[in-house]
Amino acid sequence: MTARISAAESQIMEALWTQGPLTADELVREVGSAQGWGGATVKTLTNRLLKKKAIESVREDGRVRYNPLVSREEYLTGESQGLLDRLFGGELAPLVAHYAKHRALSEEEVERIKRLISELEKGDD
């Protein structure tokens, strides 16, 4: 992913990732009403995503539908790495330490982290 997707634009992307190709009217109904946005705002966000090549418009059955070109996984990877880079010098351990120190981790979360570490260690063999 080259261009950064804003928080508002990510609402459009989320609708496209979960519901597949949508028309402009469907995006207004799905995202606009939930966010309190009018059609003009949804159109502006859609146009920004088109310029960033995060989505494409495809004429289908006489209507324009929008498809994501950036997968949710690519977006999450980019955003996660951006957070790590900005706040923790690109390192994961300080992020985990921060959350462990400032937020009570449930037993389930601790077990999931332990399993992940164990899986990562097995992968190094």
C-alpha atoms as a PDB file:
ATOM      1  CA  MET A   1       0.000   0.000   0.000  1.00  0.00           C
ATOM      2  CA  THR A   2       1.537   3.277  -1.036  1.00  0.00           C
ATOM      3  CA  ALA A   3      -0.832   5.998   0.166  1.00  0.00           C
ATOM      4  CA  ARG A   4      -2.081   6.109   3.728  1.00  0.00           C
ATOM      5  CA  ILE A   5      -5.782   5.488   4.267  1.00  0.00           C
ATOM      6  CA  SER A   6      -7.333   7.918   6.758  1.00  0.00           C
ATOM      7  CA  ALA A   7      -9.641   6.870   9.582  1.00  0.00           C
ATOM      8  CA  ALA A   8     -12.670   8.203   7.678  1.00  0.00           C
ATOM      9  CA  GLU A   9     -11.607   6.449   4.463  1.00  0.00           C
ATOM     10  CA  SER A  10     -11.149   3.227   6.402  1.00  0.00           C
ATOM     11  CA  GLN A  11     -14.906   3.243   7.096  1.00  0.00           C
ATOM     12  CA  ILE A  12     -15.531   3.019   3.339  1.00  0.00           C
ATOM     13  CA  MET A  13     -12.890   0.314   3.007  1.00  0.00           C
ATOM     14  CA  GLU A  14     -14.384  -1.701   5.869  1.00  0.00           C
ATOM     15  CA  ALA A  15     -17.779  -1.745   4.136  1.00  0.00           C
ATOM     16  CA  LEU A  16     -16.158  -2.908   0.898  1.00  0.00           C
ATOM     17  CA  TRP A  17     -14.085  -5.582   2.659  1.00  0.00           C
ATOM     18  CA  THR A  18     -17.047  -7.015   4.524  1.00  0.00           C
ATOM     19  CA  GLN A  19     -19.805  -6.621   1.939  1.00  0.00           C
ATOM     20  CA  GLY A  20     -17.977  -6.788  -1.365  1.00  0.00           C
ATOM     21  CA  PRO A  21     -18.563  -4.467  -4.297  1.00  0.00           C
ATOM     22  CA  LEU A  22     -20.990  -1.655  -3.460  1.00  0.00           C
ATOM     23  CA  THR A  23     -22.542   1.188  -5.434  1.00  0.00           C
ATOM     24  CA  ALA A  24     -22.257   4.800  -4.285  1.00  0.00           C
ATOM     25  CA  ASP A  25     -25.846   4.671  -2.996  1.00  0.00           C
ATOM     26  CA  GLU A  26     -25.121   1.488  -1.057  1.00  0.00           C
ATOM     27  CA  LEU A  27     -22.019   3.087   0.475  1.00  0.00           C
ATOM     28  CA  VAL A  28     -24.068   6.108   1.544  1.00  0.00           C
ATOM     29  CA  ARG A  29     -26.641   3.802   3.158  1.00  0.00           C
ATOM     30  CA  GLU A  30     -24.053   1.535   4.818  1.00  0.00           C
ATOM     31  CA  VAL A  31     -21.395   4.015   5.895  1.00  0.00           C
ATOM     32  CA  GLY A  32     -22.954   7.452   5.590  1.00  0.00           C
ATOM     33  CA  SER A  33     -25.930   6.817   7.812  1.00  0.00           C
ATOM     34  CA  ALA A  34     -23.842   5.009  10.446  1.00  0.00           C
ATOM     35  CA  GLN A  35     -21.350   7.908  10.565  1.00  0.00           C
ATOM     36  CA  GLY A  36     -23.859  10.729  10.106  1.00  0.00           C
ATOM     37  CA  TRP A  37     -22.329  11.595   6.716  1.00  0.00           C
ATOM     38  CA  GLY A  38     -24.227  12.816   3.692  1.00  0.00           C
ATOM     39  CA  GLY A  39     -23.754  11.629   0.140  1.00  0.00           C
ATOM     40  CA  ALA A  40     -21.239  14.391  -0.640  1.00  0.00           C
ATOM     41  CA  THR A  41     -18.923  13.275   2.162  1.00  0.00           C
ATOM     42  CA  VAL A  42     -19.076   9.626   1.084  1.00  0.00           C
ATOM     43  CA  LYS A  43     -18.412  10.699  -2.533  1.00  0.00           C
ATOM     44  CA  THR A  44     -15.398  12.785  -1.444  1.00  0.00           C
ATOM     45  CA  LEU A  45     -13.950   9.874   0.541  1.00  0.00           C
ATOM     46  CA  THR A  46     -14.602   7.468  -2.345  1.00  0.00           C
ATOM     47  CA  ASN A  47     -12.850   9.820  -4.787  1.00  0.00           C
ATOM     48  CA  ARG A  48      -9.846  10.088  -2.463  1.00  0.00           C
ATOM     49  CA  LEU A  49      -9.620   6.282  -2.302  1.00  0.00           C
ATOM     50  CA  LEU A  50      -9.842   6.085  -6.106  1.00  0.00           C
ATOM     51  CA  LYS A  51      -6.961   8.583  -6.447  1.00  0.00           C
ATOM     52  CA  LYS A  52      -4.913   6.568  -3.940  1.00  0.00           C
ATOM     53  CA  LYS A  53      -5.672   3.416  -5.955  1.00  0.00           C
ATOM     54  CA  ALA A  54      -7.053   1.762  -2.836  1.00  0.00           C
ATOM     55  CA  ILE A  55     -10.320   1.039  -4.665  1.00  0.00           C
ATOM     56  CA  GLU A  56     -11.473   0.754  -8.268  1.00  0.00           C
ATOM     57  CA  SER A  57     -14.750   1.556  -9.961  1.00  0.00           C
ATOM     58  CA  VAL A  58     -16.229  -1.092 -12.226  1.00  0.00           C
ATOM     59  CA  ARG A  59     -19.311  -0.699 -14.392  1.00  0.00           C
ATOM     60  CA  GLU A  60     -21.526  -3.687 -13.720  1.00  0.00           C
ATOM     61  CA  ASP A  61     -25.128  -4.107 -14.919  1.00  0.00           C
ATOM     62  CA  GLY A  62     -25.267  -0.420 -15.847  1.00  0.00           C
ATOM     63  CA  ARG A  63     -24.148   0.712 -12.388  1.00  0.00           C
ATOM     64  CA  VAL A  64     -20.779   1.681 -11.006  1.00  0.00           C
ATOM     65  CA  ARG A  65     -19.600  -0.535  -8.172  1.00  0.00           C
ATOM     66  CA  TYR A  66     -16.523  -0.025  -6.038  1.00  0.00           C
ATOM     67  CA  ASN A  67     -14.085  -2.842  -5.247  1.00  0.00           C
ATOM     68  CA  PRO A  68     -11.165  -2.717  -2.820  1.00  0.00           C
ATOM     69  CA  LEU A  69      -7.723  -3.015  -4.414  1.00  0.00           C
ATOM     70  CA  VAL A  70      -6.002  -3.026  -1.025  1.00  0.00           C
ATOM     71  CA  SER A  71      -6.779  -6.046   1.124  1.00  0.00           C
ATOM     72  CA  ARG A  72      -7.692  -5.683   4.757  1.00  0.00           C
ATOM     73  CA  GLU A  73      -4.518  -7.636   5.621  1.00  0.00           C
ATOM     74  CA  GLU A  74      -2.331  -5.172   3.654  1.00  0.00           C
ATOM     75  CA  TYR A  75      -4.042  -2.257   5.396  1.00  0.00           C
ATOM     76  CA  LEU A  76      -3.613  -3.786   8.864  1.00  0.00           C
ATOM     77  CA  THR A  77       0.035  -4.579   8.188  1.00  0.00           C
ATOM     78  CA  GLY A  78       0.737  -1.016   7.028  1.00  0.00           C
ATOM     79  CA  GLU A  79      -1.130   0.595   9.905  1.00  0.00           C
ATOM     80  CA  SER A  80       0.445  -1.717  12.484  1.00  0.00           C
ATOM     81  CA  GLN A  81       3.934  -1.077  11.181  1.00  0.00           C
ATOM     82  CA  GLY A  82       3.238   2.662  11.112  1.00  0.00           C
ATOM     83  CA  LEU A  83       2.177   2.560  14.757  1.00  0.00           C
ATOM     84  CA  LEU A  84       5.261   0.583  15.734  1.00  0.00           C
ATOM     85  CA  ASP A  85       7.531   2.936  13.794  1.00  0.00           C
ATOM     86  CA  ARG A  86       5.983   6.130  15.182  1.00  0.00           C
ATOM     87  CA  LEU A  87       5.643   5.108  18.807  1.00  0.00           C
ATOM     88  CA  PHE A  88       8.091   2.279  19.495  1.00  0.00           C
ATOM     89  CA  GLY A  89      11.000   2.697  17.083  1.00  0.00           C
ATOM     90  CA  GLY A  90       9.671  -0.134  14.931  1.00  0.00           C
ATOM     91  CA  GLU A  91      10.056  -2.723  17.699  1.00  0.00           C
ATOM     92  CA  LEU A  92       7.278  -5.016  18.873  1.00  0.00           C
ATOM     93  CA  ALA A  93       8.556  -5.865  22.371  1.00  0.00           C
ATOM     94  CA  PRO A  94       8.169  -2.281  23.732  1.00  0.00           C
ATOM     95  CA  LEU A  95       4.567  -2.223  22.450  1.00  0.00           C
ATOM     96  CA  VAL A  96       3.707  -5.459  24.256  1.00  0.00           C
ATOM     97  CA  ALA A  97       5.524  -4.237  27.386  1.00  0.00           C
ATOM     98  CA  HIS A  98       3.573  -0.972  27.281  1.00  0.00           C
ATOM     99  CA  TYR A  99       0.218  -2.758  27.120  1.00  0.00           C
ATOM    100  CA  ALA A 100       1.209  -5.276  29.768  1.00  0.00           C
ATOM    101  CA  LYS A 101       2.247  -2.442  32.088  1.00  0.00           C
ATOM    102  CA  HIS A 102      -0.678  -0.062  31.486  1.00  0.00           C
ATOM    103  CA  ARG A 103      -3.565  -2.407  30.823  1.00  0.00           C
ATOM    104  CA  ALA A 104      -4.597  -5.477  32.725  1.00  0.00           C
ATOM    105  CA  LEU A 105      -4.191  -8.489  30.469  1.00  0.00           C
ATOM    106  CA  SER A 106      -6.723 -11.255  30.898  1.00  0.00           C
ATOM    107  CA  GLU A 107      -5.519 -14.797  31.504  1.00  0.00           C
ATOM    108  CA  GLU A 108      -6.719 -15.643  28.008  1.00  0.00           C
ATOM    109  CA  GLU A 109      -4.619 -12.833  26.473  1.00  0.00           C
ATOM    110  CA  VAL A 110      -1.534 -13.949  28.398  1.00  0.00           C
ATOM    111  CA  GLU A 111      -2.066 -17.529  27.189  1.00  0.00           C
ATOM    112  CA  ARG A 112      -2.481 -16.348  23.594  1.00  0.00           C
ATOM    113  CA  ILE A 113       0.769 -14.370  23.833  1.00  0.00           C
ATOM    114  CA  LYS A 114       2.570 -17.380  25.300  1.00  0.00           C
ATOM    115  CA  ARG A 115       1.258 -19.619  22.489  1.00  0.00           C
ATOM    116  CA  LEU A 116       2.352 -17.086  19.891  1.00  0.00           C
ATOM    117  CA  ILE A 117       5.853 -16.887  21.371  1.00  0.00           C
ATOM    118  CA  SER A 118       6.036 -20.673  21.490  1.00  0.00           C
ATOM    119  CA  GLU A 119       4.975 -20.900  17.832  1.00  0.00           C
ATOM    120  CA  LEU A 120       7.536 -18.251  16.866  1.00  0.00           C
ATOM    121  CA  GLU A 121      10.295 -20.139  18.716  1.00  0.00           C
ATOM    122  CA  LYS A 122       9.373 -23.403  16.960  1.00  0.00           C
ATOM    123  CA  GLY A 123       9.556 -21.593  13.620  1.00  0.00           C
ATOM    124  CA  ASP A 124      13.155 -20.557  14.293  1.00  0.00           C
ATOM    125  CA  ASP A 125      14.386 -24.173  14.335  1.00  0.00           C
END
